[in-house]
C-alpha atoms as a PDB file:
ATOM      1  CA  MET A   1      98.178  70.646  34.344  1.00  0.00           C
ATOM      2  CA  ASP A   2     100.758  73.726  35.400  1.00  0.00           C
ATOM      3  CA  ALA A   3     101.315  75.014  38.301  1.00  0.00           C
ATOM      4  CA  LEU A   4     100.379  78.441  38.659  1.00  0.00           C
ATOM      5  CA  PRO A   5     103.031  80.946  38.682  1.00  0.00           C
ATOM      6  CA  VAL A   6     102.838  81.958  42.445  1.00  0.00           C
ATOM      7  CA  THR A   7     103.911  80.440  45.430  1.00  0.00           C
ATOM      8  CA  SER A   8     101.127  80.350  48.727  1.00  0.00           C
ATOM      9  CA  GLY A   9     102.546  82.809  49.809  1.00  0.00           C
ATOM     10  CA  GLU A  10     102.987  85.287  47.057  1.00  0.00           C
ATOM     11  CA  LEU A  11      99.559  85.195  47.068  1.00  0.00           C
ATOM     12  CA  LEU A  12      98.903  84.889  50.720  1.00  0.00           C
ATOM     13  CA  CYS A  13     101.014  88.891  50.156  1.00  0.00           C
ATOM     14  CA  LEU A  14      99.684  89.327  47.006  1.00  0.00           C
ATOM     15  CA  GLY A  15      96.232  89.356  48.848  1.00  0.00           C
ATOM     16  CA  SER A  16      97.456  91.018  51.906  1.00  0.00           C
ATOM     17  CA  SER A  17      98.526  94.173  50.267  1.00  0.00           C
ATOM     18  CA  LEU A  18      96.254  94.746  48.285  1.00  0.00           C
ATOM     19  CA  ALA A  19      93.375  94.211  50.525  1.00  0.00           C
ATOM     20  CA  PHE A  20      95.781  96.846  52.964  1.00  0.00           C
ATOM     21  CA  SER A  21      95.991  99.145  49.593  1.00  0.00           C
ATOM     22  CA  ALA A  22      91.899  99.164  49.227  1.00  0.00           C
ATOM     23  CA  LEU A  23      91.664  99.576  52.970  1.00  0.00           C
ATOM     24  CA  PHE A  24      94.009 102.746  53.672  1.00  0.00           C
ATOM     25  CA  TYR A  25      92.541 104.145  49.555  1.00  0.00           C
ATOM     26  CA  TYR A  26      89.185 103.963  51.406  1.00  0.00           C
ATOM     27  CA  LEU A  27      90.088 106.207  54.134  1.00  0.00           C
ATOM     28  CA  HIS A  28      92.004 108.361  51.922  1.00  0.00           C
ATOM     29  CA  ARG A  29      88.689 108.944  49.583  1.00  0.00           C
ATOM     30  CA  LYS A  30      86.870 109.204  52.872  1.00  0.00           C
ATOM     31  CA  LYS A  31      89.145 111.970  54.162  1.00  0.00           C
ATOM     32  CA  ALA A  32      88.917 113.651  50.919  1.00  0.00           C
ATOM     33  CA  ARG A  33      84.754 113.959  50.765  1.00  0.00           C
ATOM     34  CA  ALA A  34      85.458 115.493  54.515  1.00  0.00           C
ATOM     35  CA  LEU A  35      88.271 117.768  53.103  1.00  0.00           C
ATOM     36  CA  ALA A  36      86.158 118.699  50.103  1.00  0.00           C
ATOM     37  CA  ARG A  37      83.376 119.124  52.061  1.00  0.00           C
ATOM     38  CA  ILE A  38      84.704 121.540  55.188  1.00  0.00           C
ATOM     39  CA  GLN A  39      86.395 123.545  51.974  1.00  0.00           C
ATOM     40  CA  GLU A  40      82.831 124.109  50.228  1.00  0.00           C
ATOM     41  CA  ALA A  41      81.466 125.629  53.636  1.00  0.00           C
ATOM     42  CA  PRO A  42      80.630 129.466  54.251  1.00  0.00           C
ATOM     43  CA  LYS A  43      82.723 130.731  56.374  1.00  0.00           C
ATOM     44  CA  LEU A  44      81.078 132.443  58.407  1.00  0.00           C
ATOM     45  CA  GLN A  45      81.985 134.515  62.230  1.00  0.00           C
ATOM     46  CA  VAL A  46      79.649 134.756  65.122  1.00  0.00           C
ATOM     47  CA  ASP A  47      77.991 138.101  64.791  1.00  0.00           C
ATOM     48  CA  ASP A  48      74.583 140.266  64.735  1.00  0.00           C
ATOM     49  CA  THR A  49      74.048 139.487  60.859  1.00  0.00           C
ATOM     50  CA  LEU A  50      73.617 135.232  61.068  1.00  0.00           C
ATOM     51  CA  SER A  51      69.857 135.971  61.908  1.00  0.00           C
ATOM     52  CA  ASP A  52      68.540 137.593  58.934  1.00  0.00           C
ATOM     53  CA  ARG A  53      71.277 135.376  56.370  1.00  0.00           C
ATOM     54  CA  LEU A  54      69.756 132.471  57.958  1.00  0.00           C
ATOM     55  CA  SER A  55      66.041 133.829  57.986  1.00  0.00           C
ATOM     56  CA  ALA A  56      66.763 134.566  54.690  1.00  0.00           C
ATOM     57  CA  THR A  57      67.603 130.814  53.642  1.00  0.00           C
ATOM     58  CA  SER A  58      65.318 128.513  52.814  1.00  0.00           C
ATOM     59  CA  GLY A  59      64.109 126.655  56.177  1.00  0.00           C
ATOM     60  CA  GLN A  60      65.984 128.884  57.561  1.00  0.00           C
ATOM     61  CA  CYS A  61      68.830 126.929  57.681  1.00  0.00           C
ATOM     62  CA  LEU A  62      72.164 126.461  56.408  1.00  0.00           C
ATOM     63  CA  HIS A  63      73.317 122.608  55.903  1.00  0.00           C
ATOM     64  CA  TYR A  64      76.892 122.712  56.235  1.00  0.00           C
ATOM     65  CA  VAL A  65      78.797 125.830  57.689  1.00  0.00           C
ATOM     66  CA  ALA A  66      82.156 126.953  59.349  1.00  0.00           C
ATOM     67  CA  LEU A  67      81.663 129.404  62.185  1.00  0.00           C
ATOM     68  CA  GLU A  68      84.029 130.387  64.643  1.00  0.00           C
ATOM     69  CA  GLY A  69      83.734 131.758  68.026  1.00  0.00           C
ATOM     70  CA  ILE A  70      84.231 131.985  71.773  1.00  0.00           C
ATOM     71  CA  VAL A  71      83.062 129.243  74.246  1.00  0.00           C
ATOM     72  CA  LEU A  72      80.914 131.055  76.840  1.00  0.00           C
ATOM     73  CA  PRO A  73      78.020 128.823  79.549  1.00  0.00           C
ATOM     74  CA  ALA A  74      75.087 129.172  79.413  1.00  0.00           C
ATOM     75  CA  LYS A  75      74.536 127.751  82.954  1.00  0.00           C
ATOM     76  CA  ALA A  76      77.240 127.120  85.674  1.00  0.00           C
ATOM     77  CA  ALA A  77      80.143 126.050  83.692  1.00  0.00           C
ATOM     78  CA  LEU A  78      82.376 123.557  85.377  1.00  0.00           C
ATOM     79  CA  SER A  79      85.426 123.298  87.778  1.00  0.00           C
ATOM     80  CA  SER A  80      88.168 121.553  87.123  1.00  0.00           C
ATOM     81  CA  GLN A  81      89.314 119.006  90.377  1.00  0.00           C
ATOM     82  CA  HIS A  82      92.567 120.268  90.384  1.00  0.00           C
ATOM     83  CA  HIS A  83      92.757 123.796  88.800  1.00  0.00           C
ATOM     84  CA  GLU A  84      89.958 126.635  90.655  1.00  0.00           C
ATOM     85  CA  GLU A  85      90.594 128.842  88.481  1.00  0.00           C
ATOM     86  CA  LEU A  86      89.971 127.057  85.620  1.00  0.00           C
ATOM     87  CA  GLN A  87      86.918 126.369  84.404  1.00  0.00           C
ATOM     88  CA  GLY A  88      84.888 125.016  81.320  1.00  0.00           C
ATOM     89  CA  VAL A  89      81.985 123.419  79.436  1.00  0.00           C
ATOM     90  CA  ILE A  90      83.495 119.956  79.001  1.00  0.00           C
ATOM     91  CA  GLN A  91      84.981 117.875  81.668  1.00  0.00           C
ATOM     92  CA  LYS A  92      87.072 114.428  80.405  1.00  0.00           C
ATOM     93  CA  LEU A  93      88.587 112.603  83.939  1.00  0.00           C
ATOM     94  CA  VAL A  94      90.686 109.609  83.145  1.00  0.00           C
ATOM     95  CA  LEU A  95      92.484 107.055  85.271  1.00  0.00           C
ATOM     96  CA  LYS A  96      94.640 104.664  83.356  1.00  0.00           C
ATOM     97  CA  GLU A  97      96.626 101.550  84.765  1.00  0.00           C
ATOM     98  CA  HIS A  98     100.120 100.510  82.741  1.00  0.00           C
ATOM     99  CA  ARG A  99     101.067  97.252  83.799  1.00  0.00           C
ATOM    100  CA  LEU A 100     104.383  95.479  82.372  1.00  0.00           C
ATOM    101  CA  ILE A 101     103.645  91.894  81.012  1.00  0.00           C
ATOM    102  CA  TRP A 102     106.680  89.732  80.344  1.00  0.00           C
ATOM    103  CA  ASN A 103     107.185  88.321  76.506  1.00  0.00           C
ATOM    104  CA  SER A 104     108.722  84.933  76.716  1.00  0.00           C
ATOM    105  CA  LEU A 105     109.179  85.590  72.784  1.00  0.00           C
ATOM    106  CA  ALA A 106     111.452  88.377  72.728  1.00  0.00           C
ATOM    107  CA  ARG A 107     112.676  88.075  76.609  1.00  0.00           C
ATOM    108  CA  SER A 108     111.629  91.553  77.626  1.00  0.00           C
ATOM    109  CA  TRP A 109     108.931  93.266  79.279  1.00  0.00           C
ATOM    110  CA  ASN A 110     106.019  95.171  76.892  1.00  0.00           C
ATOM    111  CA  GLU A 111     103.729  97.623  78.223  1.00  0.00           C
ATOM    112  CA  SER A 112     100.306  98.158  78.460  1.00  0.00           C
ATOM    113  CA  GLU A 113      97.787 100.146  79.218  1.00  0.00           C
ATOM    114  CA  ARG A 114      94.242  99.966  80.708  1.00  0.00           C
ATOM    115  CA  VAL A 115      91.307 102.358  81.178  1.00  0.00           C
ATOM    116  CA  VAL A 116      89.898 101.927  84.844  1.00  0.00           C
ATOM    117  CA  SER A 117      87.693 104.636  84.724  1.00  0.00           C
ATOM    118  CA  GLU A 118      86.582 107.684  82.777  1.00  0.00           C
ATOM    119  CA  GLN A 119      83.878 110.174  83.017  1.00  0.00           C
ATOM    120  CA  VAL A 120      82.773 112.918  80.435  1.00  0.00           C
ATOM    121  CA  TYR A 121      81.056 116.237  81.919  1.00  0.00           C
ATOM    122  CA  THR A 122      79.774 118.609  80.078  1.00  0.00           C
ATOM    123  CA  VAL A 123      77.147 121.477  80.281  1.00  0.00           C
ATOM    124  CA  PRO A 124      75.121 124.436  77.837  1.00  0.00           C
ATOM    125  CA  PHE A 125      77.399 126.124  75.811  1.00  0.00           C
ATOM    126  CA  VAL A 126      77.392 128.674  73.018  1.00  0.00           C
ATOM    127  CA  LEU A 127      79.890 130.701  70.609  1.00  0.00           C
ATOM    128  CA  ALA A 128      80.005 134.248  70.920  1.00  0.00           C
ATOM    129  CA  SER A 129      81.788 136.846  69.154  1.00  0.00           C
ATOM    130  CA  PRO A 130      85.625 138.012  70.013  1.00  0.00           C
ATOM    131  CA  THR A 131      84.069 141.386  69.632  1.00  0.00           C
ATOM    132  CA  ALA A 132      81.799 142.660  72.800  1.00  0.00           C
ATOM    133  CA  GLU A 133      79.719 144.803  70.051  1.00  0.00           C
ATOM    134  CA  ALA A 134      77.753 141.600  68.825  1.00  0.00           C
ATOM    135  CA  VAL A 135      75.304 140.065  71.312  1.00  0.00           C
ATOM    136  CA  THR A 136      73.561 137.198  69.007  1.00  0.00           C
ATOM    137  CA  ARG A 137      74.841 133.899  70.800  1.00  0.00           C
ATOM    138  CA  VAL A 138      74.900 130.355  68.886  1.00  0.00           C
ATOM    139  CA  SER A 139      74.115 127.069  71.373  1.00  0.00           C
ATOM    140  CA  VAL A 140      75.983 124.662  70.204  1.00  0.00           C
ATOM    141  CA  GLU A 141      74.300 121.329  70.197  1.00  0.00           C
ATOM    142  CA  SER A 142      75.264 117.480  71.244  1.00  0.00           C
ATOM    143  CA  PRO A 143      79.105 117.897  71.381  1.00  0.00           C
ATOM    144  CA  LEU A 144      79.660 114.350  72.473  1.00  0.00           C
ATOM    145  CA  ARG A 145      78.762 113.608  68.431  1.00  0.00           C
ATOM    146  CA  ALA A 146      81.493 115.316  67.344  1.00  0.00           C
ATOM    147  CA  VAL A 147      84.106 113.546  65.234  1.00  0.00           C
ATOM    148  CA  GLN A 148      86.713 114.205  68.459  1.00  0.00           C
ATOM    149  CA  LEU A 149      86.383 116.140  71.524  1.00  0.00           C
ATOM    150  CA  PRO A 150      88.300 119.473  71.660  1.00  0.00           C
ATOM    151  CA  LEU A 151      89.874 118.942  74.969  1.00  0.00           C
ATOM    152  CA  GLU A 152      93.189 120.096  75.990  1.00  0.00           C
ATOM    153  CA  THR A 153      95.229 118.634  79.157  1.00  0.00           C
ATOM    154  CA  VAL A 154      95.285 120.689  82.174  1.00  0.00           C
ATOM    155  CA  TYR A 155      95.828 117.874  84.962  1.00  0.00           C
ATOM    156  CA  GLU A 156      98.665 114.917  84.329  1.00  0.00           C
ATOM    157  CA  HIS A 157      99.777 113.190  87.276  1.00  0.00           C
ATOM    158  CA  PHE A 158     101.203 109.191  87.599  1.00  0.00           C
ATOM    159  CA  GLN A 159     101.215 107.689  90.624  1.00  0.00           C
ATOM    160  CA  HIS A 160     104.287 105.130  90.868  1.00  0.00           C
ATOM    161  CA  PRO A 161     103.263 102.235  92.983  1.00  0.00           C
ATOM    162  CA  THR A 162     105.549 101.077  96.282  1.00  0.00           C
ATOM    163  CA  HIS A 163     106.091  97.501  96.170  1.00  0.00           C
ATOM    164  CA  GLY A 164     107.672  94.606  98.874  1.00  0.00           C
ATOM    165  CA  PHE A 165     109.532  91.959  98.258  1.00  0.00           C
ATOM    166  CA  LYS A 166     106.860  89.164  98.203  1.00  0.00           C
ATOM    167  CA  ASP A 167     105.362  91.328  95.426  1.00  0.00           C
ATOM    168  CA  LEU A 168     108.122  91.830  93.278  1.00  0.00           C
ATOM    169  CA  ILE A 169     108.535  87.622  93.561  1.00  0.00           C
ATOM    170  CA  GLY A 170     104.938  87.103  92.779  1.00  0.00           C
ATOM    171  CA  HIS A 171     105.372  89.729  90.050  1.00  0.00           C
ATOM    172  CA  TYR A 172     108.470  87.541  88.130  1.00  0.00           C
ATOM    173  CA  LEU A 173     106.391  84.385  89.299  1.00  0.00           C
ATOM    174  CA  SER A 174     103.434  86.463  87.603  1.00  0.00           C
ATOM    175  CA  GLY A 175     104.727  87.879  84.341  1.00  0.00           C
ATOM    176  CA  GLU A 176     102.581  90.657  85.203  1.00  0.00           C
ATOM    177  CA  LYS A 177     103.578  93.864  87.339  1.00  0.00           C
ATOM    178  CA  PRO A 178     101.577  97.585  88.072  1.00  0.00           C
ATOM    179  CA  LYS A 179     104.085 100.062  86.840  1.00  0.00           C
ATOM    180  CA  GLY A 180     101.410 103.260  87.770  1.00  0.00           C
ATOM    181  CA  LEU A 181      98.388 104.287  87.309  1.00  0.00           C
ATOM    182  CA  LEU A 182      98.209 107.753  85.612  1.00  0.00           C
ATOM    183  CA  GLU A 183      95.250 110.451  86.025  1.00  0.00           C
ATOM    184  CA  THR A 184      94.583 112.809  83.980  1.00  0.00           C
ATOM    185  CA  GLU A 185      91.923 116.342  83.080  1.00  0.00           C
ATOM    186  CA  GLU A 186      91.214 117.510  79.965  1.00  0.00           C
ATOM    187  CA  MET A 187      88.686 120.385  79.425  1.00  0.00           C
ATOM    188  CA  LEU A 188      87.223 122.721  76.419  1.00  0.00           C
ATOM    189  CA  ARG A 189      87.691 125.710  78.884  1.00  0.00           C
ATOM    190  CA  VAL A 190      85.892 129.055  78.947  1.00  0.00           C
ATOM    191  CA  GLY A 191      86.907 131.429  76.234  1.00  0.00           C
ATOM    192  CA  ALA A 192      88.992 129.223  73.907  1.00  0.00           C
ATOM    193  CA  SER A 193      88.350 129.861  69.918  1.00  0.00           C
ATOM    194  CA  LEU A 194      86.532 127.260  68.532  1.00  0.00           C
ATOM    195  CA  THR A 195      85.540 126.416  65.743  1.00  0.00           C
ATOM    196  CA  GLY A 196      82.194 124.210  64.757  1.00  0.00           C
ATOM    197  CA  ILE A 197      81.637 122.631  61.164  1.00  0.00           C
ATOM    198  CA  GLY A 198      78.087 121.562  61.336  1.00  0.00           C
ATOM    199  CA  GLU A 199      74.672 122.639  60.375  1.00  0.00           C
ATOM    200  CA  LEU A 200      73.347 126.016  61.186  1.00  0.00           C
ATOM    201  CA  ALA A 201      69.341 126.437  61.870  1.00  0.00           C
ATOM    202  CA  LEU A 202      67.437 128.793  63.126  1.00  0.00           C
ATOM    203  CA  HIS A 203      64.563 127.873  65.714  1.00  0.00           C
ATOM    204  CA  PRO A 204      60.948 129.694  65.760  1.00  0.00           C
ATOM    205  CA  ASP A 205      61.947 130.985  69.104  1.00  0.00           C
ATOM    206  CA  GLY A 206      64.736 132.864  67.609  1.00  0.00           C
ATOM    207  CA  ALA A 207      67.933 131.226  69.071  1.00  0.00           C
ATOM    208  CA  ILE A 208      70.554 130.298  66.380  1.00  0.00           C
ATOM    209  CA  HIS A 209      71.955 125.983  67.058  1.00  0.00           C
ATOM    210  CA  LEU A 210      74.719 124.987  65.826  1.00  0.00           C
ATOM    211  CA  GLN A 211      73.756 120.662  65.393  1.00  0.00           C
ATOM    212  CA  PRO A 212      74.735 117.673  64.003  1.00  0.00           C
ATOM    213  CA  PRO A 213      74.248 117.690  60.012  1.00  0.00           C
ATOM    214  CA  THR A 214      70.726 115.718  59.613  1.00  0.00           C
ATOM    215  CA  ASP A 215      72.766 114.398  56.182  1.00  0.00           C
ATOM    216  CA  GLY A 216      75.019 112.315  58.037  1.00  0.00           C
ATOM    217  CA  SER A 217      78.101 114.612  57.509  1.00  0.00           C
ATOM    218  CA  ASN A 218      80.531 114.982  59.720  1.00  0.00           C
ATOM    219  CA  TYR A 219      80.228 117.290  62.985  1.00  0.00           C
ATOM    220  CA  PHE A 220      83.959 118.762  63.979  1.00  0.00           C
ATOM    221  CA  LEU A 221      84.297 120.735  67.257  1.00  0.00           C
ATOM    222  CA  HIS A 222      88.208 121.641  66.831  1.00  0.00           C
ATOM    223  CA  LEU A 223      90.072 124.361  68.669  1.00  0.00           C
ATOM    224  CA  GLY A 224      91.110 126.838  65.918  1.00  0.00           C
ATOM    225  CA  ASP A 225      90.550 128.326  63.120  1.00  0.00           C
ATOM    226  CA  TRP A 226      89.148 126.786  60.151  1.00  0.00           C
ATOM    227  CA  GLN A 227      92.896 126.548  58.827  1.00  0.00           C
ATOM    228  CA  THR A 228      94.074 124.712  61.475  1.00  0.00           C
ATOM    229  CA  LEU A 229      91.545 121.658  61.009  1.00  0.00           C
ATOM    230  CA  LEU A 230      91.778 122.007  57.205  1.00  0.00           C
ATOM    231  CA  ALA A 231      96.054 121.057  57.247  1.00  0.00           C
ATOM    232  CA  GLU A 232      95.502 118.511  60.180  1.00  0.00           C
ATOM    233  CA  MET A 233      93.243 116.615  58.225  1.00  0.00           C
ATOM    234  CA  GLU A 234      94.697 117.361  54.736  1.00  0.00           C
ATOM    235  CA  SER A 235      97.510 116.226  55.975  1.00  0.00           C
ATOM    236  CA  VAL A 236      95.777 112.622  58.229  1.00  0.00           C
ATOM    237  CA  SER A 237      94.061 111.801  54.088  1.00  0.00           C
ATOM    238  CA  SER A 238      98.014 112.844  53.090  1.00  0.00           C
ATOM    239  CA  LEU A 239      99.097 109.689  54.969  1.00  0.00           C
ATOM    240  CA  TRP A 240      96.544 107.107  53.919  1.00  0.00           C
ATOM    241  CA  LYS A 241      97.115 108.304  50.270  1.00  0.00           C
ATOM    242  CA  GLY A 242     100.338 107.119  50.748  1.00  0.00           C
ATOM    243  CA  ALA A 243     100.063 103.952  52.607  1.00  0.00           C
ATOM    244  CA  ALA A 244      97.613 102.542  49.717  1.00  0.00           C
ATOM    245  CA  VAL A 245     100.207 103.392  47.250  1.00  0.00           C
ATOM    246  CA  LEU A 246     103.013 101.937  48.937  1.00  0.00           C
ATOM    247  CA  CYS A 247     100.777  98.467  50.153  1.00  0.00           C
ATOM    248  CA  GLY A 248      99.796  98.980  46.074  1.00  0.00           C
ATOM    249  CA  LEU A 249     103.857  98.719  44.784  1.00  0.00           C
ATOM    250  CA  ALA A 250     104.259  95.098  47.397  1.00  0.00           C
ATOM    251  CA  GLY A 251     101.445  93.934  45.536  1.00  0.00           C
ATOM    252  CA  VAL A 252     102.877  94.630  41.571  1.00  0.00           C
ATOM    253  CA  ALA A 253     106.302  93.752  43.185  1.00  0.00           C
ATOM    254  CA  VAL A 254     105.142  90.733  43.971  1.00  0.00           C
ATOM    255  CA  ILE A 255     103.635  89.936  40.614  1.00  0.00           C
ATOM    256  CA  LEU A 256     106.501  91.186  38.878  1.00  0.00           C
ATOM    257  CA  TYR A 257     108.451  88.561  40.788  1.00  0.00           C
ATOM    258  CA  ALA A 258     106.263  86.055  40.347  1.00  0.00           C
ATOM    259  CA  LEU A 259     105.927  86.729  36.588  1.00  0.00           C
ATOM    260  CA  CYS A 260     110.157  87.276  35.632  1.00  0.00           C
ATOM    261  CA  ARG A 261     110.615  84.212  38.250  1.00  0.00           C
ATOM    262  CA  ALA A 262     107.753  82.070  35.856  1.00  0.00           C
ATOM    263  CA  TYR A 263     109.163  83.753  32.793  1.00  0.00           C
ATOM    264  CA  GLN A 264     113.157  82.032  33.960  1.00  0.00           C
ATOM    265  CA  GLN A 265     111.310  78.556  34.760  1.00  0.00           C
ATOM    266  CA  CYS A 266     109.558  78.786  30.750  1.00  0.00           C
ATOM    267  CA  ARG A 267     113.075  79.419  29.068  1.00  0.00           C
ATOM    268  CA  HIS A 268     114.955  76.815  31.176  1.00  0.00           C
ATOM    269  CA  LYS A 269     112.509  74.367  30.070  1.00  0.00           C
ATOM    270  CA  GLN A 270     112.682  75.611  25.972  1.00  0.00           C
ATOM    271  CA  GLU A 271     116.574  74.668  26.704  1.00  0.00           C
ATOM    272  CA  GLN A 272     116.048  70.942  28.296  1.00  0.00           C
ATOM    273  CA  GLU A 273     113.442  70.933  25.527  1.00  0.00           C
ATOM    274  CA  GLU A 274     116.333  71.674  22.562  1.00  0.00           C
ATOM    275  CA  GLN A 275     118.996  69.891  24.500  1.00  0.00           C
ATOM    276  CA  ARG A 276     116.422  67.067  24.646  1.00  0.00           C
ATOM    277  CA  GLN A 277     116.397  67.408  21.031  1.00  0.00           C
ATOM    278  CA  GLU A 278     119.572  67.608  20.203  1.00  0.00           C
ATOM    279  CA  LEU A 279     121.072  64.500  21.856  1.00  0.00           C
ATOM    280  CA  GLU A 280     117.999  62.294  19.554  1.00  0.00           C
ATOM    281  CA  THR A 281     119.608  63.325  16.922  1.00  0.00           C
ATOM    282  CA  VAL A 282     122.362  62.637  17.878  1.00  0.00           C
ATOM    283  CA  TRP A 283     121.240  59.214  19.098  1.00  0.00           C
ATOM    284  CA  CYS A 284     119.095  58.267  16.385  1.00  0.00           C
ATOM    285  CA  SER A 285     121.727  59.281  13.526  1.00  0.00           C
ATOM    286  CA  ARG A 286     125.095  57.563  15.278  1.00  0.00           C
ATOM    287  CA  ASP A 287     127.768  55.753  13.924  1.00  0.00           C
ATOM    288  CA  SER A 288     127.410  51.923  13.953  1.00  0.00           C
ATOM    289  CA  PRO A 289     129.209  49.938  17.096  1.00  0.00           C
ATOM    290  CA  PRO A 290     132.846  49.792  17.144  1.00  0.00           C
ATOM    291  CA  GLU A 291     134.785  47.943  15.073  1.00  0.00           C
ATOM    292  CA  SER A 292     136.637  44.989  16.395  1.00  0.00           C
ATOM    293  CA  GLY A 293     140.141  45.938  16.897  1.00  0.00           C
ATOM    294  CA  GLU A 294     137.928  49.121  19.402  1.00  0.00           C
ATOM    295  CA  ASP A 295     137.918  48.549  23.500  1.00  0.00           C
ATOM    296  CA  PRO A 296     134.085  49.224  24.024  1.00  0.00           C
ATOM    297  CA  ALA A 297     134.355  49.041  28.001  1.00  0.00           C
ATOM    298  CA  GLU A 298     136.651  52.066  27.239  1.00  0.00           C
ATOM    299  CA  ASN A 299     133.138  54.409  25.605  1.00  0.00           C
ATOM    300  CA  THR A 300     130.841  52.103  27.877  1.00  0.00           C
ATOM    301  CA  CYS A 301     127.225  53.451  29.656  1.00  0.00           C
ATOM    302  CA  THR A 302     128.277  53.564  33.346  1.00  0.00           C
ATOM    303  CA  ILE A 303     125.035  52.547  34.010  1.00  0.00           C
ATOM    304  CA  CYS A 304     123.509  49.900  31.318  1.00  0.00           C
ATOM    305  CA  LEU A 305     127.425  48.842  30.360  1.00  0.00           C
ATOM    306  CA  THR A 306     125.655  48.280  26.527  1.00  0.00           C
ATOM    307  CA  GLU A 307     125.417  51.738  24.870  1.00  0.00           C
ATOM    308  CA  PRO A 308     127.644  54.417  23.862  1.00  0.00           C
ATOM    309  CA  ARG A 309     128.438  57.554  26.218  1.00  0.00           C
ATOM    310  CA  GLU A 310     126.899  60.308  24.373  1.00  0.00           C
ATOM    311  CA  CYS A 311     126.093  63.036  27.185  1.00  0.00           C
ATOM    312  CA  VAL A 312     129.043  65.770  28.842  1.00  0.00           C
ATOM    313  CA  LEU A 313     127.024  66.760  32.353  1.00  0.00           C
ATOM    314  CA  LEU A 314     127.903  70.626  33.271  1.00  0.00           C
ATOM    315  CA  ASP A 315     128.923  72.084  35.139  1.00  0.00           C
ATOM    316  CA  CYS A 316     130.867  68.786  36.064  1.00  0.00           C
ATOM    317  CA  GLY A 317     131.513  67.856  32.876  1.00  0.00           C
ATOM    318  CA  HIS A 318     131.221  64.191  33.815  1.00  0.00           C
ATOM    319  CA  VAL A 319     131.236  61.819  30.364  1.00  0.00           C
ATOM    320  CA  CYS A 320     129.189  59.115  31.875  1.00  0.00           C
ATOM    321  CA  CYS A 321     126.490  57.554  30.275  1.00  0.00           C
ATOM    322  CA  CYS A 322     123.978  57.338  27.159  1.00  0.00           C
ATOM    323  CA  PHE A 323     120.918  59.616  26.241  1.00  0.00           C
ATOM    324  CA  ARG A 324     118.696  57.537  27.292  1.00  0.00           C
ATOM    325  CA  CYS A 325     120.185  56.250  31.088  1.00  0.00           C
ATOM    326  CA  PHE A 326     119.963  59.809  31.188  1.00  0.00           C
ATOM    327  CA  GLU A 327     116.640  60.537  30.757  1.00  0.00           C
ATOM    328  CA  ALA A 328     115.714  57.419  33.271  1.00  0.00           C
ATOM    329  CA  LEU A 329     117.928  59.283  36.008  1.00  0.00           C
ATOM    330  CA  PRO A 330     115.677  59.361  39.261  1.00  0.00           C
ATOM    331  CA  SER A 331     116.745  63.929  39.993  1.00  0.00           C
ATOM    332  CA  ARG A 332     119.141  65.527  38.048  1.00  0.00           C
ATOM    333  CA  THR A 333     122.207  64.542  39.517  1.00  0.00           C
ATOM    334  CA  CYS A 334     125.442  63.378  38.102  1.00  0.00           C
ATOM    335  CA  PRO A 335     125.727  59.520  39.214  1.00  0.00           C
ATOM    336  CA  ILE A 336     129.237  59.912  39.600  1.00  0.00           C
ATOM    337  CA  CYS A 337     129.913  62.632  41.601  1.00  0.00           C
ATOM    338  CA  ARG A 338     126.114  63.180  42.873  1.00  0.00           C
ATOM    339  CA  ARG A 339     126.649  66.892  41.623  1.00  0.00           C
ATOM    340  CA  PRO A 340     123.225  68.594  40.167  1.00  0.00           C
ATOM    341  CA  ILE A 341     123.193  69.149  36.957  1.00  0.00           C
ATOM    342  CA  ASP A 342     122.903  72.504  35.055  1.00  0.00           C
ATOM    343  CA  ARG A 343     122.803  71.333  31.844  1.00  0.00           C
ATOM    344  CA  VAL A 344     123.408  68.889  28.945  1.00  0.00           C
ATOM    345  CA  VAL A 345     125.453  68.758  25.758  1.00  0.00           C
ATOM    346  CA  PRO A 346     125.876  66.188  23.187  1.00  0.00           C
ATOM    347  CA  LEU A 347     129.399  64.290  22.832  1.00  0.00           C
ATOM    348  CA  TYR A 348     130.593  64.165  19.596  1.00  0.00           C
ATOM    349  CA  GLN A 349     133.188  62.008  18.550  1.00  0.00           C
ATOM    350  CA  ALA A 350     135.331  61.828  15.962  1.00  0.00           C
END
């Protein structure tokens, strides 16, 4: 039974490339579906016509809309810990530890980080119209369930540690040394322009709520307008698509390489078979043993010492054996110079 035309390493590369291509294509299709859903969603502004529009719909609900407005707190706002004048409705405090880890293989220090603490605070907030004439407010429900929190960094401080001589010795012996602590504060500030994409519902009390879609679609809260969100999602979708195409091309390249090698091997075997048949023809139709006047030792096979020399071994060019002894060689190397035998041609003596 012939061996497979691909090696185990090529099979591993082929399987990995196809698996990554399928994964990246799945991510691309997921982003593309979310992008298409946003493009089809109605684009609304917070104004006094929202109540009438929702009342006219079945169930008093729009299942997927893009709504733009200004962030205002429904109750008391959150104050920044580092800037008293800043107020927001979502606050995220993160403390990360940065360390250097010694990599013995690369002979270098690699940086790693670890979240020491992370705290998120939120207060109820609404989206209001940029114009002062409109009095309609839209309550934003479950902001922490959004795909990504619409936060901006308002404070960042990196604190370097102080090391003594004993500490430095201990760091080099253990292979780890602290680089410092990074403290950040992120907020969704009051007055920020926010685009919410989700389900817009009119409650019995007359309040309008923007909430996560009940059908499982993505819930977005994004700083800026919906066109910016579309551009970002298109960029990510194109990135996943390009990665899927590259991995697919890598798999196709592995297949083509294996097929080319299999074709070359088939051609080589065919040439060897043709040479073997040619040598057999010469051996079967060879003349009778030399006359008594000839010296048989000069033309005798160096292996069996009985048959005449019938083969020219290339590329070395030695004429040293008969056809039967050539076929019995344990390895395709010249018995005189031990060089590899590329091909064999029959020797014709007139």
